[in-house]
C-alpha atoms as a PDB file:
ATOM      1  CA  MET A   1     -28.027 -86.677   0.128  1.00  0.00           C
ATOM      2  CA  PRO A   2     -31.218 -87.299  -0.188  1.00  0.00           C
ATOM      3  CA  GLU A   3     -32.564 -83.853   0.801  1.00  0.00           C
ATOM      4  CA  LEU A   4     -36.013 -83.095   1.015  1.00  0.00           C
ATOM      5  CA  PRO A   5     -36.671 -82.950  -2.748  1.00  0.00           C
ATOM      6  CA  GLU A   6     -35.221 -85.727  -3.078  1.00  0.00           C
ATOM      7  CA  VAL A   7     -37.440 -87.845  -0.731  1.00  0.00           C
ATOM      8  CA  GLU A   8     -40.244 -85.627  -2.026  1.00  0.00           C
ATOM      9  CA  GLY A   9     -39.858 -87.583  -5.555  1.00  0.00           C
ATOM     10  CA  VAL A  10     -39.207 -91.219  -3.926  1.00  0.00           C
ATOM     11  CA  VAL A  11     -42.772 -90.352  -2.330  1.00  0.00           C
ATOM     12  CA  ARG A  12     -44.682 -89.299  -4.993  1.00  0.00           C
ATOM     13  CA  GLU A  13     -43.857 -92.060  -6.739  1.00  0.00           C
ATOM     14  CA  LEU A  14     -44.068 -94.894  -3.953  1.00  0.00           C
ATOM     15  CA  ALA A  15     -47.583 -93.783  -2.815  1.00  0.00           C
ATOM     16  CA  PRO A  16     -49.589 -94.610  -5.642  1.00  0.00           C
ATOM     17  CA  ALA A  17     -46.995 -97.396  -6.144  1.00  0.00           C
ATOM     18  CA  ALA A  18     -47.327 -99.256  -2.907  1.00  0.00           C
ATOM     19  CA  SER A  19     -50.531 -98.062  -1.254  1.00  0.00           C
ATOM     20  CA  GLY A  20     -53.338-101.043  -0.866  1.00  0.00           C
ATOM     21  CA  ARG A  21     -50.808-103.757  -0.778  1.00  0.00           C
ATOM     22  CA  THR A  22     -50.321-106.058   1.710  1.00  0.00           C
ATOM     23  CA  ILE A  23     -46.674-107.255   3.247  1.00  0.00           C
ATOM     24  CA  GLU A  24     -46.642-111.276   3.035  1.00  0.00           C
ATOM     25  CA  LYS A  25     -43.164-111.922   3.834  1.00  0.00           C
ATOM     26  CA  VAL A  26     -39.904-110.406   4.879  1.00  0.00           C
ATOM     27  CA  TYR A  27     -36.049-110.366   3.799  1.00  0.00           C
ATOM     28  CA  ILE A  28     -33.356-109.385   5.768  1.00  0.00           C
ATOM     29  CA  SER A  29     -29.865-109.149   4.127  1.00  0.00           C
ATOM     30  CA  ASN A  30     -27.223-111.208   6.459  1.00  0.00           C
ATOM     31  CA  VAL A  31     -25.235-107.603   6.726  1.00  0.00           C
ATOM     32  CA  VAL A  32     -28.029-106.243   8.576  1.00  0.00           C
ATOM     33  CA  ARG A  33     -28.268-109.685  10.465  1.00  0.00           C
ATOM     34  CA  ASN A  34     -24.487-109.748  11.344  1.00  0.00           C
ATOM     35  CA  SER A  35     -24.564-106.031  12.121  1.00  0.00           C
ATOM     36  CA  LYS A  36     -27.156-106.749  14.750  1.00  0.00           C
ATOM     37  CA  GLU A  37     -25.603-109.777  16.168  1.00  0.00           C
ATOM     38  CA  LEU A  38     -22.665-106.874  16.973  1.00  0.00           C
ATOM     39  CA  GLY A  39     -24.907-104.424  18.355  1.00  0.00           C
ATOM     40  CA  LYS A  40     -24.075-101.871  15.878  1.00  0.00           C
ATOM     41  CA  GLU A  41     -27.843-101.698  14.409  1.00  0.00           C
ATOM     42  CA  ALA A  42     -27.473-101.053  10.433  1.00  0.00           C
ATOM     43  CA  ILE A  43     -30.619 -99.766   9.216  1.00  0.00           C
ATOM     44  CA  ILE A  44     -33.201-101.657  11.504  1.00  0.00           C
ATOM     45  CA  LYS A  45     -33.025-100.066  14.270  1.00  0.00           C
ATOM     46  CA  GLY A  46     -34.869-100.248  17.991  1.00  0.00           C
ATOM     47  CA  ILE A  47     -36.320-103.515  17.114  1.00  0.00           C
ATOM     48  CA  ALA A  48     -35.454-107.263  17.033  1.00  0.00           C
ATOM     49  CA  LEU A  49     -35.051-108.656  13.741  1.00  0.00           C
ATOM     50  CA  GLU A  50     -37.196-111.400  14.787  1.00  0.00           C
ATOM     51  CA  ASP A  51     -40.293-108.905  15.917  1.00  0.00           C
ATOM     52  CA  LEU A  52     -39.826-107.133  12.239  1.00  0.00           C
ATOM     53  CA  THR A  53     -40.324-110.277  10.425  1.00  0.00           C
ATOM     54  CA  ASP A  54     -42.998-111.583  12.967  1.00  0.00           C
ATOM     55  CA  LYS A  55     -44.789-108.317  12.621  1.00  0.00           C
ATOM     56  CA  LEU A  56     -44.385-107.006   8.898  1.00  0.00           C
ATOM     57  CA  PRO A  57     -45.943-109.632   7.670  1.00  0.00           C
ATOM     58  CA  GLY A  58     -49.876-108.848   6.945  1.00  0.00           C
ATOM     59  CA  MET A  59     -49.583-105.313   7.307  1.00  0.00           C
ATOM     60  CA  SER A  60     -50.961-103.620   4.670  1.00  0.00           C
ATOM     61  CA  ILE A  61     -50.109-100.113   3.191  1.00  0.00           C
ATOM     62  CA  GLN A  62     -52.845 -97.380   3.761  1.00  0.00           C
ATOM     63  CA  ASP A  63     -50.485 -94.515   2.583  1.00  0.00           C
ATOM     64  CA  VAL A  64     -47.002 -93.244   1.625  1.00  0.00           C
ATOM     65  CA  THR A  65     -46.405 -89.663   2.685  1.00  0.00           C
ATOM     66  CA  ARG A  66     -43.354 -87.524   4.031  1.00  0.00           C
ATOM     67  CA  ARG A  67     -42.015 -85.782   7.016  1.00  0.00           C
ATOM     68  CA  SER A  68     -38.801 -83.667   6.250  1.00  0.00           C
ATOM     69  CA  LYS A  69     -36.501 -86.296   5.308  1.00  0.00           C
ATOM     70  CA  TYR A  70     -38.378 -89.414   6.022  1.00  0.00           C
ATOM     71  CA  ILE A  71     -40.890 -91.361   4.658  1.00  0.00           C
ATOM     72  CA  TYR A  72     -43.865 -92.620   6.763  1.00  0.00           C
ATOM     73  CA  PHE A  73     -45.651 -96.099   5.246  1.00  0.00           C
ATOM     74  CA  HIS A  74     -48.921 -96.244   7.528  1.00  0.00           C
ATOM     75  CA  MET A  75     -49.539 -99.341   8.001  1.00  0.00           C
ATOM     76  CA  GLU A  76     -52.925-101.165   9.394  1.00  0.00           C
ATOM     77  CA  LYS A  77     -53.014-104.913  10.832  1.00  0.00           C
ATOM     78  CA  ALA A  78     -56.248-106.534  12.442  1.00  0.00           C
ATOM     79  CA  GLY A  79     -57.398-102.850  13.169  1.00  0.00           C
ATOM     80  CA  HIS A  80     -54.485-101.568  14.225  1.00  0.00           C
ATOM     81  CA  THR A  81     -52.113 -98.544  13.093  1.00  0.00           C
ATOM     82  CA  TYR A  82     -48.464 -98.878  12.918  1.00  0.00           C
ATOM     83  CA  LEU A  83     -46.067 -96.178  11.669  1.00  0.00           C
ATOM     84  CA  LEU A  84     -42.950 -97.611   9.290  1.00  0.00           C
ATOM     85  CA  VAL A  85     -40.505 -94.783   9.043  1.00  0.00           C
ATOM     86  CA  SER A  86     -37.433 -95.175   6.555  1.00  0.00           C
ATOM     87  CA  HIS A  87     -34.606 -92.498   6.211  1.00  0.00           C
ATOM     88  CA  LEU A  88     -32.721 -92.952   3.461  1.00  0.00           C
ATOM     89  CA  GLY A  89     -28.931 -91.753   4.627  1.00  0.00           C
ATOM     90  CA  MET A  90     -26.645 -90.924   2.282  1.00  0.00           C
ATOM     91  CA  THR A  91     -26.977 -93.537  -0.207  1.00  0.00           C
ATOM     92  CA  GLY A  92     -30.166 -95.383   0.487  1.00  0.00           C
ATOM     93  CA  ALA A  93     -33.055 -96.363  -2.525  1.00  0.00           C
ATOM     94  CA  TRP A  94     -36.600 -97.693  -2.357  1.00  0.00           C
ATOM     95  CA  PHE A  95     -37.686 -99.313  -5.580  1.00  0.00           C
ATOM     96  CA  VAL A  96     -40.940-101.332  -6.636  1.00  0.00           C
ATOM     97  CA  VAL A  97     -40.027-104.040  -8.902  1.00  0.00           C
ATOM     98  CA  ASP A  98     -42.047-107.830  -9.860  1.00  0.00           C
ATOM     99  CA  SER A  99     -38.431-109.149  -9.326  1.00  0.00           C
ATOM    100  CA  VAL A 100     -34.841-107.924  -7.451  1.00  0.00           C
ATOM    101  CA  ASP A 101     -33.195-108.414 -11.260  1.00  0.00           C
ATOM    102  CA  GLU A 102     -35.400-105.749 -11.906  1.00  0.00           C
ATOM    103  CA  VAL A 103     -33.103-103.587 -10.034  1.00  0.00           C
ATOM    104  CA  THR A 104     -30.536-103.353 -12.650  1.00  0.00           C
ATOM    105  CA  GLU A 105     -27.506-100.724 -11.351  1.00  0.00           C
ATOM    106  CA  LYS A 106     -24.972-103.215  -9.776  1.00  0.00           C
ATOM    107  CA  ARG A 107     -24.285-100.941  -6.992  1.00  0.00           C
ATOM    108  CA  PHE A 108     -27.639-101.060  -5.860  1.00  0.00           C
ATOM    109  CA  LYS A 109     -27.718-104.623  -6.760  1.00  0.00           C
ATOM    110  CA  ASP A 110     -25.152-105.401  -4.666  1.00  0.00           C
ATOM    111  CA  HIS A 111     -26.571-103.522  -1.831  1.00  0.00           C
ATOM    112  CA  ILE A 112     -30.174-104.743  -1.413  1.00  0.00           C
ATOM    113  CA  HIS A 113     -30.714-105.583   2.631  1.00  0.00           C
ATOM    114  CA  ILE A 114     -34.497-105.399   2.752  1.00  0.00           C
ATOM    115  CA  VAL A 115     -36.796-106.967   0.605  1.00  0.00           C
ATOM    116  CA  LEU A 116     -40.710-106.883   1.467  1.00  0.00           C
ATOM    117  CA  THR A 117     -42.817-109.395  -0.781  1.00  0.00           C
ATOM    118  CA  MET A 118     -46.343-108.180  -1.767  1.00  0.00           C
ATOM    119  CA  GLU A 119     -49.268-110.650  -1.079  1.00  0.00           C
ATOM    120  CA  ASP A 120     -49.297-109.917  -5.002  1.00  0.00           C
ATOM    121  CA  GLY A 121     -46.408-111.564  -5.836  1.00  0.00           C
ATOM    122  CA  GLY A 122     -44.755-107.699  -6.277  1.00  0.00           C
ATOM    123  CA  LEU A 123     -41.736-106.701  -4.473  1.00  0.00           C
ATOM    124  CA  LEU A 124     -40.400-102.889  -2.334  1.00  0.00           C
ATOM    125  CA  VAL A 125     -37.309-103.765  -1.963  1.00  0.00           C
ATOM    126  CA  TYR A 126     -34.693-101.689  -0.263  1.00  0.00           C
ATOM    127  CA  SER A 127     -30.712-100.930  -0.405  1.00  0.00           C
ATOM    128  CA  ASP A 128     -28.438 -99.255   0.786  1.00  0.00           C
ATOM    129  CA  ILE A 129     -24.642 -98.667  -0.167  1.00  0.00           C
ATOM    130  CA  ARG A 130     -22.978 -97.506   2.688  1.00  0.00           C
ATOM    131  CA  ARG A 131     -26.000 -98.645   4.981  1.00  0.00           C
ATOM    132  CA  PHE A 132     -26.477 -95.318   6.674  1.00  0.00           C
ATOM    133  CA  GLY A 133     -30.404 -95.269   6.093  1.00  0.00           C
ATOM    134  CA  GLU A 134     -32.767 -96.113   9.054  1.00  0.00           C
ATOM    135  CA  LEU A 135     -35.748 -98.067   9.012  1.00  0.00           C
ATOM    136  CA  ARG A 136     -37.921 -97.953  12.082  1.00  0.00           C
ATOM    137  CA  LEU A 137     -41.191 -99.710  13.099  1.00  0.00           C
ATOM    138  CA  LEU A 138     -43.683 -97.421  15.500  1.00  0.00           C
ATOM    139  CA  VAL A 139     -47.001 -97.557  16.984  1.00  0.00           C
ATOM    140  CA  GLU A 140     -47.271 -93.402  16.079  1.00  0.00           C
ATOM    141  CA  GLU A 141     -44.804 -91.250  15.660  1.00  0.00           C
ATOM    142  CA  SER A 142     -44.176 -90.358  19.612  1.00  0.00           C
ATOM    143  CA  ASP A 143     -42.572 -93.590  19.841  1.00  0.00           C
ATOM    144  CA  TYR A 144     -39.389 -92.176  18.484  1.00  0.00           C
ATOM    145  CA  LEU A 145     -39.051 -88.725  19.901  1.00  0.00           C
ATOM    146  CA  PRO A 146     -36.737 -87.023  17.297  1.00  0.00           C
ATOM    147  CA  LEU A 147     -39.379 -87.224  15.028  1.00  0.00           C
ATOM    148  CA  LEU A 148     -41.180 -84.883  16.921  1.00  0.00           C
ATOM    149  CA  LYS A 149     -38.427 -82.636  17.536  1.00  0.00           C
ATOM    150  CA  MET A 150     -38.409 -81.760  13.048  1.00  0.00           C
ATOM    151  CA  ALA A 151     -39.173 -77.547  12.289  1.00  0.00           C
ATOM    152  CA  PRO A 152     -42.169 -77.670  10.692  1.00  0.00           C
ATOM    153  CA  GLU A 153     -42.103 -78.131   6.876  1.00  0.00           C
ATOM    154  CA  PRO A 154     -40.831 -75.536   5.156  1.00  0.00           C
ATOM    155  CA  PHE A 155     -43.833 -74.918   3.264  1.00  0.00           C
ATOM    156  CA  ASP A 156     -45.775 -74.543   5.915  1.00  0.00           C
ATOM    157  CA  PRO A 157     -47.355 -71.135   6.826  1.00  0.00           C
ATOM    158  CA  GLU A 158     -45.885 -70.854  10.273  1.00  0.00           C
ATOM    159  CA  ALA A 159     -42.322 -72.679   9.116  1.00  0.00           C
ATOM    160  CA  GLU A 160     -40.891 -68.702   8.251  1.00  0.00           C
ATOM    161  CA  GLU A 161     -41.630 -67.047  11.877  1.00  0.00           C
ATOM    162  CA  HIS A 162     -40.417 -70.937  13.201  1.00  0.00           C
ATOM    163  CA  PHE A 163     -36.587 -70.137  11.863  1.00  0.00           C
ATOM    164  CA  ILE A 164     -36.753 -66.354  12.517  1.00  0.00           C
ATOM    165  CA  GLU A 165     -37.502 -66.815  16.261  1.00  0.00           C
ATOM    166  CA  ILE A 166     -35.136 -69.474  17.360  1.00  0.00           C
ATOM    167  CA  ALA A 167     -32.178 -68.085  14.667  1.00  0.00           C
ATOM    168  CA  ILE A 168     -32.141 -65.038  17.089  1.00  0.00           C
ATOM    169  CA  GLN A 169     -31.396 -66.719  20.101  1.00  0.00           C
ATOM    170  CA  PRO A 170     -28.059 -66.430  21.505  1.00  0.00           C
ATOM    171  CA  LYS A 171     -27.432 -70.343  20.796  1.00  0.00           C
ATOM    172  CA  TYR A 172     -27.861 -69.974  17.149  1.00  0.00           C
ATOM    173  CA  ALA A 173     -27.107 -66.627  16.714  1.00  0.00           C
ATOM    174  CA  ARG A 174     -23.481 -67.240  17.132  1.00  0.00           C
ATOM    175  CA  LYS A 175     -22.921 -70.013  14.305  1.00  0.00           C
ATOM    176  CA  ALA A 176     -22.762 -70.058  11.282  1.00  0.00           C
ATOM    177  CA  ILE A 177     -26.127 -69.130   9.232  1.00  0.00           C
ATOM    178  CA  LYS A 178     -24.984 -72.722   7.003  1.00  0.00           C
ATOM    179  CA  GLU A 179     -25.003 -74.783  10.332  1.00  0.00           C
ATOM    180  CA  VAL A 180     -28.411 -73.192  11.472  1.00  0.00           C
ATOM    181  CA  ILE A 181     -30.363 -73.884   7.974  1.00  0.00           C
ATOM    182  CA  MET A 182     -28.551 -77.453   7.840  1.00  0.00           C
ATOM    183  CA  ASP A 183     -30.408 -77.871  11.738  1.00  0.00           C
ATOM    184  CA  GLY A 184     -33.186 -79.926  11.021  1.00  0.00           C
ATOM    185  CA  GLN A 185     -34.719 -78.453  14.104  1.00  0.00           C
ATOM    186  CA  ILE A 186     -34.979 -75.214  12.189  1.00  0.00           C
ATOM    187  CA  ILE A 187     -35.557 -75.485   9.213  1.00  0.00           C
ATOM    188  CA  SER A 188     -36.776 -79.267   7.663  1.00  0.00           C
ATOM    189  CA  GLY A 189     -35.147 -80.988   4.743  1.00  0.00           C
ATOM    190  CA  CYS A 190     -32.725 -78.886   4.170  1.00  0.00           C
ATOM    191  CA  GLY A 191     -29.193 -80.241   3.669  1.00  0.00           C
ATOM    192  CA  ASN A 192     -25.954 -79.187   2.075  1.00  0.00           C
ATOM    193  CA  ILE A 193     -26.782 -79.268  -1.398  1.00  0.00           C
ATOM    194  CA  TYR A 194     -29.752 -76.264  -0.763  1.00  0.00           C
ATOM    195  CA  ALA A 195     -28.290 -74.462   1.743  1.00  0.00           C
ATOM    196  CA  THR A 196     -25.799 -74.016  -0.452  1.00  0.00           C
ATOM    197  CA  GLU A 197     -27.545 -72.891  -3.327  1.00  0.00           C
ATOM    198  CA  ALA A 198     -29.646 -70.529  -1.068  1.00  0.00           C
ATOM    199  CA  LEU A 199     -26.881 -68.797   0.369  1.00  0.00           C
ATOM    200  CA  PHE A 200     -25.245 -68.131  -3.090  1.00  0.00           C
ATOM    201  CA  ARG A 201     -28.432 -66.853  -4.442  1.00  0.00           C
ATOM    202  CA  MET A 202     -28.607 -64.466  -1.852  1.00  0.00           C
ATOM    203  CA  ASP A 203     -24.794 -63.456  -1.922  1.00  0.00           C
ATOM    204  CA  ILE A 204     -24.309 -64.265   1.619  1.00  0.00           C
ATOM    205  CA  HIS A 205     -21.283 -66.383   3.318  1.00  0.00           C
ATOM    206  CA  PRO A 206     -21.784 -69.635   4.592  1.00  0.00           C
ATOM    207  CA  ALA A 207     -19.981 -68.770   7.737  1.00  0.00           C
ATOM    208  CA  ARG A 208     -21.305 -65.631   8.518  1.00  0.00           C
ATOM    209  CA  ALA A 209     -22.743 -65.716  12.117  1.00  0.00           C
ATOM    210  CA  ALA A 210     -26.461 -65.619  11.869  1.00  0.00           C
ATOM    211  CA  GLY A 211     -26.663 -62.692  14.271  1.00  0.00           C
ATOM    212  CA  ARG A 212     -25.060 -60.579  11.595  1.00  0.00           C
ATOM    213  CA  ILE A 213     -28.048 -60.804   9.185  1.00  0.00           C
ATOM    214  CA  SER A 214     -30.896 -58.703   9.461  1.00  0.00           C
ATOM    215  CA  GLU A 215     -34.411 -59.985  10.059  1.00  0.00           C
ATOM    216  CA  LYS A 216     -35.459 -58.344   6.854  1.00  0.00           C
ATOM    217  CA  ARG A 217     -32.699 -60.767   5.119  1.00  0.00           C
ATOM    218  CA  LYS A 218     -33.461 -63.982   7.103  1.00  0.00           C
ATOM    219  CA  ARG A 219     -36.609 -63.403   5.459  1.00  0.00           C
ATOM    220  CA  GLU A 220     -35.411 -63.370   1.959  1.00  0.00           C
ATOM    221  CA  LEU A 221     -32.930 -66.034   2.960  1.00  0.00           C
ATOM    222  CA  PHE A 222     -36.143 -68.086   3.566  1.00  0.00           C
ATOM    223  CA  GLN A 223     -37.772 -67.793   0.857  1.00  0.00           C
ATOM    224  CA  THR A 224     -35.117 -68.075  -0.847  1.00  0.00           C
ATOM    225  CA  ILE A 225     -34.754 -71.850   0.286  1.00  0.00           C
ATOM    226  CA  VAL A 226     -38.041 -72.791  -0.469  1.00  0.00           C
ATOM    227  CA  ASP A 227     -37.826 -71.755  -3.914  1.00  0.00           C
ATOM    228  CA  VAL A 228     -34.911 -73.300  -4.441  1.00  0.00           C
ATOM    229  CA  LEU A 229     -36.427 -76.817  -2.683  1.00  0.00           C
ATOM    230  CA  LEU A 230     -39.415 -76.410  -4.840  1.00  0.00           C
ATOM    231  CA  GLU A 231     -37.621 -75.634  -8.192  1.00  0.00           C
ATOM    232  CA  SER A 232     -35.553 -78.729  -7.512  1.00  0.00           C
ATOM    233  CA  ILE A 233     -38.578 -80.693  -6.805  1.00  0.00           C
ATOM    234  CA  ASN A 234     -40.467 -79.989 -10.368  1.00  0.00           C
ATOM    235  CA  ALA A 235     -37.062 -81.065 -11.394  1.00  0.00           C
ATOM    236  CA  GLY A 236     -37.067 -84.571  -9.844  1.00  0.00           C
ATOM    237  CA  GLY A 237     -34.025 -83.504  -7.132  1.00  0.00           C
ATOM    238  CA  SER A 238     -30.372 -83.778  -7.510  1.00  0.00           C
ATOM    239  CA  SER A 239     -28.397 -86.493  -8.615  1.00  0.00           C
ATOM    240  CA  ILE A 240     -25.048 -86.000  -7.720  1.00  0.00           C
ATOM    241  CA  SER A 241     -24.153 -89.437  -6.855  1.00  0.00           C
ATOM    242  CA  ASP A 242     -26.232 -92.262  -5.450  1.00  0.00           C
ATOM    243  CA  TYR A 243     -30.367 -90.738  -5.561  1.00  0.00           C
ATOM    244  CA  ARG A 244     -32.631 -92.664  -8.073  1.00  0.00           C
ATOM    245  CA  ASN A 245     -36.086 -92.411  -8.006  1.00  0.00           C
ATOM    246  CA  ILE A 246     -38.197 -95.830  -7.211  1.00  0.00           C
ATOM    247  CA  ASN A 247     -38.027 -96.698 -11.319  1.00  0.00           C
ATOM    248  CA  GLY A 248     -34.239 -96.385 -10.803  1.00  0.00           C
ATOM    249  CA  GLU A 249     -33.826 -92.937 -12.868  1.00  0.00           C
ATOM    250  CA  ALA A 250     -31.844 -89.838 -12.072  1.00  0.00           C
ATOM    251  CA  GLY A 251     -32.806 -86.402 -11.259  1.00  0.00           C
ATOM    252  CA  THR A 252     -32.241 -83.153 -13.011  1.00  0.00           C
ATOM    253  CA  MET A 253     -31.730 -80.623 -10.507  1.00  0.00           C
ATOM    254  CA  GLN A 254     -27.677 -81.023 -10.503  1.00  0.00           C
ATOM    255  CA  THR A 255     -27.998 -79.589 -13.942  1.00  0.00           C
ATOM    256  CA  ARG A 256     -29.265 -76.243 -12.495  1.00  0.00           C
ATOM    257  CA  LEU A 257     -27.148 -75.970  -9.445  1.00  0.00           C
ATOM    258  CA  LYS A 258     -25.007 -72.706  -9.755  1.00  0.00           C
ATOM    259  CA  MET A 259     -22.190 -73.260  -6.823  1.00  0.00           C
ATOM    260  CA  TYR A 260     -22.727 -76.739  -5.164  1.00  0.00           C
ATOM    261  CA  GLY A 261     -19.612 -78.734  -6.692  1.00  0.00           C
ATOM    262  CA  LYS A 262     -18.448 -75.905  -8.850  1.00  0.00           C
ATOM    263  CA  LYS A 263     -14.936 -74.918  -9.247  1.00  0.00           C
ATOM    264  CA  TYR A 264     -15.883 -71.375 -10.721  1.00  0.00           C
ATOM    265  CA  CYS A 265     -18.046 -69.008  -9.612  1.00  0.00           C
ATOM    266  CA  PRO A 266     -20.619 -68.205 -12.706  1.00  0.00           C
ATOM    267  CA  THR A 267     -20.991 -65.096 -11.873  1.00  0.00           C
ATOM    268  CA  CYS A 268     -18.232 -63.122 -11.549  1.00  0.00           C
ATOM    269  CA  GLY A 269     -15.633 -66.681 -12.311  1.00  0.00           C
ATOM    270  CA  ARG A 270     -13.801 -66.262  -9.720  1.00  0.00           C
ATOM    271  CA  GLU A 271     -12.442 -69.544  -8.395  1.00  0.00           C
ATOM    272  CA  THR A 272     -14.589 -71.160  -5.668  1.00  0.00           C
ATOM    273  CA  LYS A 273     -13.381 -71.889  -2.086  1.00  0.00           C
ATOM    274  CA  THR A 274     -14.478 -74.539   0.567  1.00  0.00           C
ATOM    275  CA  MET A 275     -14.114 -75.142   3.934  1.00  0.00           C
ATOM    276  CA  LYS A 276     -16.147 -77.175   6.720  1.00  0.00           C
ATOM    277  CA  ILE A 277     -19.078 -76.351   8.440  1.00  0.00           C
ATOM    278  CA  ALA A 278     -20.905 -78.443  10.442  1.00  0.00           C
ATOM    279  CA  GLY A 279     -18.246 -81.552   9.357  1.00  0.00           C
ATOM    280  CA  ARG A 280     -19.969 -80.534   6.022  1.00  0.00           C
ATOM    281  CA  THR A 281     -17.742 -79.175   2.672  1.00  0.00           C
ATOM    282  CA  SER A 282     -18.999 -75.751   1.930  1.00  0.00           C
ATOM    283  CA  VAL A 283     -18.526 -74.139  -0.898  1.00  0.00           C
ATOM    284  CA  TYR A 284     -18.422 -70.214  -1.551  1.00  0.00           C
ATOM    285  CA  CYS A 285     -17.301 -67.741  -4.151  1.00  0.00           C
ATOM    286  CA  PRO A 286     -15.010 -65.211  -1.891  1.00  0.00           C
ATOM    287  CA  GLN A 287     -15.789 -62.349  -4.002  1.00  0.00           C
ATOM    288  CA  CYS A 288     -19.990 -62.299  -4.060  1.00  0.00           C
ATOM    289  CA  GLN A 289     -20.554 -63.945  -1.110  1.00  0.00           C
ATOM    290  CA  LYS A 290     -20.404 -61.670   2.303  1.00  0.00           C
END
């Protein structure tokens, strides 16, 4: 959390609110500074804090886009282009405000770690309660190789064939199908919430080996994942705990979830069960999902 739909919601609001504005100065919290000194690199990765605070002022935000679960700030300074890449981790959130006092929810206000002051006086504020998020300044995408390994966007024409081609490989065929579809190199942006929902809609047990699912069913599962992701985008994402958009508003997809976090199956009424898959808690119906 957040997954693709939540990040898409942030980007759709960030793009018009931030594009065309120029950074004047950068604030970095003492928590992040102390972490850097200890070699832990909380939030700001791959660059010295002094380099970041020197380079960002004077950069103008040309556009804001999404790639999988990452936010791309396309930057320009003195005729050179840069990419400021943000991952929200578990609890990251961006706010576009005129004052930090406008970040009204205490748990976010207490964990503000980055403040970008714009030349027009406005602020772009990054808060992260658990500090699992990332912020990287790159010249281009290839400067951080994991970005190049991401699967195609699930809405792209080639994404389904990419999924089928990789899922049948012996390395993945033996894995639980939920682990496979949560792998960002196989399907971009599908995490625990939407994997849980898609598998429930398909009546597929999350631990079933990918190789024990027919190609026809795999294609149906892929389309179901796309449908669930689009439904969530249209609902503003799922605010299970800490997701907020740039105005501090919650999404509504959590009210539509059928299986994630549920104690009883909405189809048969049986008590749900949980198991760990790829380090995540998987909720499923032992009666409906086989």
